[in-house]
Amino acid sequence: MVKKSKGISCCGTETSGMGCCKVESLISIDERGQMVLPKEIRDKANIKPGDKLALVSWEKDGKMCCLTLIKAEDFAGMVKDMLGPMMGVLQKK
């Protein structure tokens, strides 16, 4: 049986409790700065035409090391989940 170890990713974020990361595809950037997400990835992530994606970046030692795409609707939910309890505490004061 393999144990999951707690660790720090390249970006300094704790990786415990997160799913496994893997390279899904290599994507080329064209001369206009555009890229194409392969259909297989779009289908797997349920990304449809017109969906908005939030691009989240992390820096380590002053250099951008990680880029993550999150569906905007999911990102908004994460922000509300994190800020909601704090806002409740602030409103009580």
N, C-alpha and C. Protein backbone atom coordinates (compact mmCIF):
# COMPACT_ATOMS: atom_id res chain seq x y z
N MET A 1 0.84 -1.18 0.00
CA MET A 1 0.00 0.00 0.00
C MET A 1 0.88 1.24 0.00
N VAL A 2 0.60 2.15 -0.92
CA VAL A 2 1.38 3.38 -1.03
C VAL A 2 0.72 4.47 -0.22
N LYS A 3 1.51 5.12 0.65
CA LYS A 3 0.99 6.23 1.44
C LYS A 3 1.20 7.52 0.69
N LYS A 4 0.20 8.40 0.78
CA LYS A 4 0.36 9.75 0.23
C LYS A 4 1.16 10.56 1.23
N SER A 5 2.16 11.25 0.74
CA SER A 5 2.93 12.09 1.65
C SER A 5 2.50 13.53 1.50
N LYS A 6 2.51 14.22 2.63
CA LYS A 6 2.25 15.66 2.58
C LYS A 6 3.48 16.32 2.02
N GLY A 7 3.28 17.35 1.23
CA GLY A 7 4.44 18.00 0.64
C GLY A 7 4.13 19.41 0.20
N ILE A 8 5.13 20.01 -0.35
CA ILE A 8 5.02 21.36 -0.88
C ILE A 8 5.27 21.28 -2.38
N SER A 9 4.39 21.90 -3.15
CA SER A 9 4.57 21.90 -4.60
C SER A 9 5.65 22.90 -4.96
N CYS A 10 5.93 23.00 -6.26
CA CYS A 10 6.95 23.96 -6.73
C CYS A 10 6.58 25.38 -6.34
N CYS A 11 5.30 25.61 -6.09
CA CYS A 11 4.84 26.98 -5.80
C CYS A 11 4.73 27.24 -4.32
N GLY A 12 5.12 26.28 -3.50
CA GLY A 12 5.08 26.49 -2.07
C GLY A 12 3.72 26.26 -1.45
N THR A 13 2.78 25.65 -2.17
CA THR A 13 1.47 25.38 -1.61
C THR A 13 1.43 23.95 -1.11
N GLU A 14 0.75 23.74 -0.02
CA GLU A 14 0.66 22.40 0.53
C GLU A 14 -0.16 21.52 -0.41
N THR A 15 0.32 20.30 -0.65
CA THR A 15 -0.34 19.42 -1.60
C THR A 15 -1.20 18.37 -0.92
N SER A 16 -1.22 18.32 0.40
CA SER A 16 -2.04 17.32 1.07
C SER A 16 -3.51 17.62 0.84
N GLY A 17 -4.30 16.58 0.67
CA GLY A 17 -5.73 16.76 0.48
C GLY A 17 -6.12 17.09 -0.95
N MET A 18 -5.16 17.26 -1.82
CA MET A 18 -5.45 17.57 -3.20
C MET A 18 -5.35 16.30 -4.03
N GLY A 19 -6.03 16.30 -5.16
CA GLY A 19 -5.93 15.16 -6.05
C GLY A 19 -4.56 15.12 -6.71
N CYS A 20 -4.35 14.07 -7.45
CA CYS A 20 -3.07 13.88 -8.13
C CYS A 20 -2.93 14.83 -9.30
N CYS A 21 -1.77 15.40 -9.46
CA CYS A 21 -1.48 16.26 -10.60
C CYS A 21 -0.78 15.42 -11.66
N LYS A 22 -1.09 15.70 -12.92
CA LYS A 22 -0.40 15.01 -14.00
C LYS A 22 -0.39 15.88 -15.24
N VAL A 23 0.54 15.62 -16.11
CA VAL A 23 0.61 16.33 -17.39
C VAL A 23 -0.42 15.70 -18.31
N GLU A 24 -1.40 16.49 -18.70
CA GLU A 24 -2.47 16.00 -19.57
C GLU A 24 -2.11 16.14 -21.03
N SER A 25 -1.39 17.20 -21.37
CA SER A 25 -1.11 17.49 -22.76
C SER A 25 -0.04 18.56 -22.84
N LEU A 26 0.67 18.61 -23.95
CA LEU A 26 1.58 19.72 -24.24
C LEU A 26 0.85 20.62 -25.23
N ILE A 27 0.84 21.90 -24.93
CA ILE A 27 0.09 22.86 -25.74
C ILE A 27 1.05 23.89 -26.31
N SER A 28 0.92 24.15 -27.59
CA SER A 28 1.76 25.15 -28.25
C SER A 28 1.06 26.51 -28.25
N ILE A 29 1.86 27.55 -28.18
CA ILE A 29 1.36 28.92 -28.26
C ILE A 29 1.72 29.44 -29.64
N ASP A 30 0.73 29.97 -30.37
CA ASP A 30 1.03 30.46 -31.73
C ASP A 30 1.59 31.88 -31.66
N GLU A 31 1.92 32.43 -32.82
CA GLU A 31 2.55 33.75 -32.88
C GLU A 31 1.66 34.87 -32.36
N ARG A 32 0.34 34.62 -32.28
CA ARG A 32 -0.59 35.63 -31.73
C ARG A 32 -0.82 35.43 -30.23
N GLY A 33 -0.11 34.46 -29.64
CA GLY A 33 -0.25 34.21 -28.21
C GLY A 33 -1.43 33.32 -27.87
N GLN A 34 -2.03 32.69 -28.86
CA GLN A 34 -3.19 31.85 -28.63
C GLN A 34 -2.79 30.39 -28.49
N MET A 35 -3.62 29.65 -27.77
CA MET A 35 -3.39 28.22 -27.61
C MET A 35 -4.74 27.51 -27.75
N VAL A 36 -4.67 26.22 -28.02
CA VAL A 36 -5.87 25.42 -28.17
C VAL A 36 -5.85 24.33 -27.11
N LEU A 37 -6.93 24.24 -26.33
CA LEU A 37 -7.08 23.12 -25.40
C LEU A 37 -7.62 21.94 -26.20
N PRO A 38 -6.95 20.81 -26.17
CA PRO A 38 -7.41 19.66 -26.94
C PRO A 38 -8.84 19.27 -26.56
N LYS A 39 -9.59 18.78 -27.54
CA LYS A 39 -10.99 18.41 -27.33
C LYS A 39 -11.14 17.42 -26.18
N GLU A 40 -10.25 16.45 -26.11
CA GLU A 40 -10.32 15.44 -25.04
C GLU A 40 -10.26 16.11 -23.66
N ILE A 41 -9.42 17.11 -23.52
CA ILE A 41 -9.28 17.83 -22.24
C ILE A 41 -10.54 18.66 -21.98
N ARG A 42 -11.02 19.37 -23.01
CA ARG A 42 -12.25 20.17 -22.85
C ARG A 42 -13.41 19.28 -22.44
N ASP A 43 -13.54 18.12 -23.05
CA ASP A 43 -14.62 17.20 -22.70
C ASP A 43 -14.48 16.71 -21.27
N LYS A 44 -13.27 16.31 -20.90
CA LYS A 44 -13.01 15.79 -19.54
C LYS A 44 -13.30 16.85 -18.47
N ALA A 45 -12.99 18.11 -18.79
CA ALA A 45 -13.20 19.22 -17.83
C ALA A 45 -14.56 19.88 -18.00
N ASN A 46 -15.36 19.37 -18.92
CA ASN A 46 -16.69 19.92 -19.20
C ASN A 46 -16.63 21.40 -19.55
N ILE A 47 -15.65 21.76 -20.39
CA ILE A 47 -15.50 23.14 -20.85
C ILE A 47 -16.23 23.26 -22.18
N LYS A 48 -17.17 24.17 -22.22
CA LYS A 48 -18.02 24.38 -23.40
C LYS A 48 -17.72 25.73 -24.03
N PRO A 49 -18.07 25.91 -25.32
CA PRO A 49 -17.90 27.22 -25.95
C PRO A 49 -18.62 28.30 -25.14
N GLY A 50 -17.96 29.42 -24.93
CA GLY A 50 -18.55 30.52 -24.17
C GLY A 50 -18.20 30.48 -22.69
N ASP A 51 -17.70 29.35 -22.18
CA ASP A 51 -17.30 29.29 -20.78
C ASP A 51 -16.15 30.27 -20.53
N LYS A 52 -16.10 30.81 -19.34
CA LYS A 52 -15.01 31.70 -18.93
C LYS A 52 -14.09 30.92 -18.01
N LEU A 53 -12.79 31.12 -18.18
CA LEU A 53 -11.79 30.47 -17.34
C LEU A 53 -10.97 31.54 -16.62
N ALA A 54 -10.74 31.32 -15.33
CA ALA A 54 -9.86 32.21 -14.56
C ALA A 54 -8.45 31.63 -14.65
N LEU A 55 -7.49 32.47 -14.96
CA LEU A 55 -6.09 32.06 -15.00
C LEU A 55 -5.46 32.49 -13.68
N VAL A 56 -5.03 31.51 -12.89
CA VAL A 56 -4.44 31.78 -11.58
C VAL A 56 -2.96 31.44 -11.69
N SER A 57 -2.10 32.33 -11.21
CA SER A 57 -0.66 32.09 -11.27
C SER A 57 -0.06 32.14 -9.87
N TRP A 58 1.07 31.45 -9.73
CA TRP A 58 1.83 31.46 -8.48
C TRP A 58 3.25 31.83 -8.82
N GLU A 59 3.89 32.54 -7.89
CA GLU A 59 5.29 32.90 -8.06
C GLU A 59 6.12 32.27 -6.96
N LYS A 60 7.34 31.97 -7.30
CA LYS A 60 8.31 31.48 -6.33
C LYS A 60 9.63 32.16 -6.66
N ASP A 61 10.23 32.76 -5.68
CA ASP A 61 11.50 33.47 -5.85
C ASP A 61 11.41 34.51 -6.98
N GLY A 62 10.27 35.21 -7.05
CA GLY A 62 10.10 36.27 -8.03
C GLY A 62 9.85 35.80 -9.45
N LYS A 63 9.67 34.50 -9.63
CA LYS A 63 9.46 33.94 -10.97
C LYS A 63 8.15 33.17 -11.00
N MET A 64 7.34 33.42 -12.04
CA MET A 64 6.08 32.68 -12.17
C MET A 64 6.40 31.22 -12.46
N CYS A 65 5.86 30.33 -11.64
CA CYS A 65 6.19 28.91 -11.80
C CYS A 65 4.99 28.04 -12.14
N CYS A 66 3.80 28.46 -11.80
CA CYS A 66 2.63 27.63 -12.04
C CYS A 66 1.48 28.46 -12.60
N LEU A 67 0.78 27.89 -13.56
CA LEU A 67 -0.43 28.49 -14.12
C LEU A 67 -1.54 27.46 -14.00
N THR A 68 -2.70 27.90 -13.57
CA THR A 68 -3.85 27.02 -13.43
C THR A 68 -5.06 27.67 -14.07
N LEU A 69 -5.83 26.91 -14.81
CA LEU A 69 -7.10 27.39 -15.37
C LEU A 69 -8.23 26.79 -14.55
N ILE A 70 -9.15 27.65 -14.10
CA ILE A 70 -10.30 27.21 -13.30
C ILE A 70 -11.54 27.83 -13.93
N LYS A 71 -12.58 27.03 -14.10
CA LYS A 71 -13.82 27.59 -14.63
C LYS A 71 -14.25 28.73 -13.72
N ALA A 72 -14.61 29.87 -14.32
CA ALA A 72 -14.92 31.08 -13.56
C ALA A 72 -16.02 30.84 -12.54
N GLU A 73 -17.03 30.07 -12.91
CA GLU A 73 -18.13 29.81 -11.96
C GLU A 73 -17.64 29.01 -10.75
N ASP A 74 -16.70 28.09 -10.96
CA ASP A 74 -16.14 27.33 -9.83
C ASP A 74 -15.25 28.22 -8.97
N PHE A 75 -14.49 29.09 -9.64
CA PHE A 75 -13.60 30.00 -8.92
C PHE A 75 -14.41 30.96 -8.04
N ALA A 76 -15.50 31.48 -8.58
CA ALA A 76 -16.37 32.38 -7.81
C ALA A 76 -16.90 31.67 -6.57
N GLY A 77 -17.27 30.41 -6.72
CA GLY A 77 -17.75 29.63 -5.57
C GLY A 77 -16.67 29.44 -4.52
N MET A 78 -15.43 29.20 -4.97
CA MET A 78 -14.32 29.03 -4.02
C MET A 78 -14.08 30.32 -3.24
N VAL A 79 -14.13 31.45 -3.93
CA VAL A 79 -13.92 32.74 -3.27
C VAL A 79 -15.01 32.99 -2.24
N LYS A 80 -16.27 32.73 -2.62
CA LYS A 80 -17.38 32.91 -1.68
C LYS A 80 -17.23 32.01 -0.47
N ASP A 81 -16.82 30.75 -0.69
CA ASP A 81 -16.63 29.81 0.42
C ASP A 81 -15.54 30.28 1.38
N MET A 82 -14.49 30.91 0.84
CA MET A 82 -13.40 31.38 1.69
C MET A 82 -13.74 32.69 2.38
N LEU A 83 -14.37 33.62 1.65
CA LEU A 83 -14.64 34.94 2.20
C LEU A 83 -15.92 35.00 3.02
N GLY A 84 -16.88 34.13 2.74
CA GLY A 84 -18.16 34.16 3.44
C GLY A 84 -18.02 34.13 4.96
N PRO A 85 -17.29 33.16 5.51
CA PRO A 85 -17.12 33.13 6.97
C PRO A 85 -16.43 34.37 7.51
N MET A 86 -15.45 34.89 6.79
CA MET A 86 -14.76 36.10 7.26
C MET A 86 -15.70 37.30 7.26
N MET A 87 -16.52 37.40 6.23
CA MET A 87 -17.46 38.52 6.15
C MET A 87 -18.47 38.45 7.30
N GLY A 88 -18.90 37.25 7.66
CA GLY A 88 -19.83 37.09 8.77
C GLY A 88 -19.23 37.57 10.07
N VAL A 89 -17.96 37.25 10.30
CA VAL A 89 -17.26 37.69 11.50
C VAL A 89 -17.14 39.21 11.51
N LEU A 90 -16.79 39.80 10.37
CA LEU A 90 -16.62 41.25 10.30
C LEU A 90 -17.94 41.99 10.52
N GLN A 91 -19.03 41.43 10.03
CA GLN A 91 -20.34 42.08 10.18
C GLN A 91 -20.79 42.07 11.64
N LYS A 92 -20.36 41.08 12.41
CA LYS A 92 -20.74 41.00 13.83
C LYS A 92 -20.02 42.02 14.68
N LYS A 93 -18.90 42.54 14.20
CA LYS A 93 -18.08 43.48 14.99
C LYS A 93 -18.62 44.87 14.91
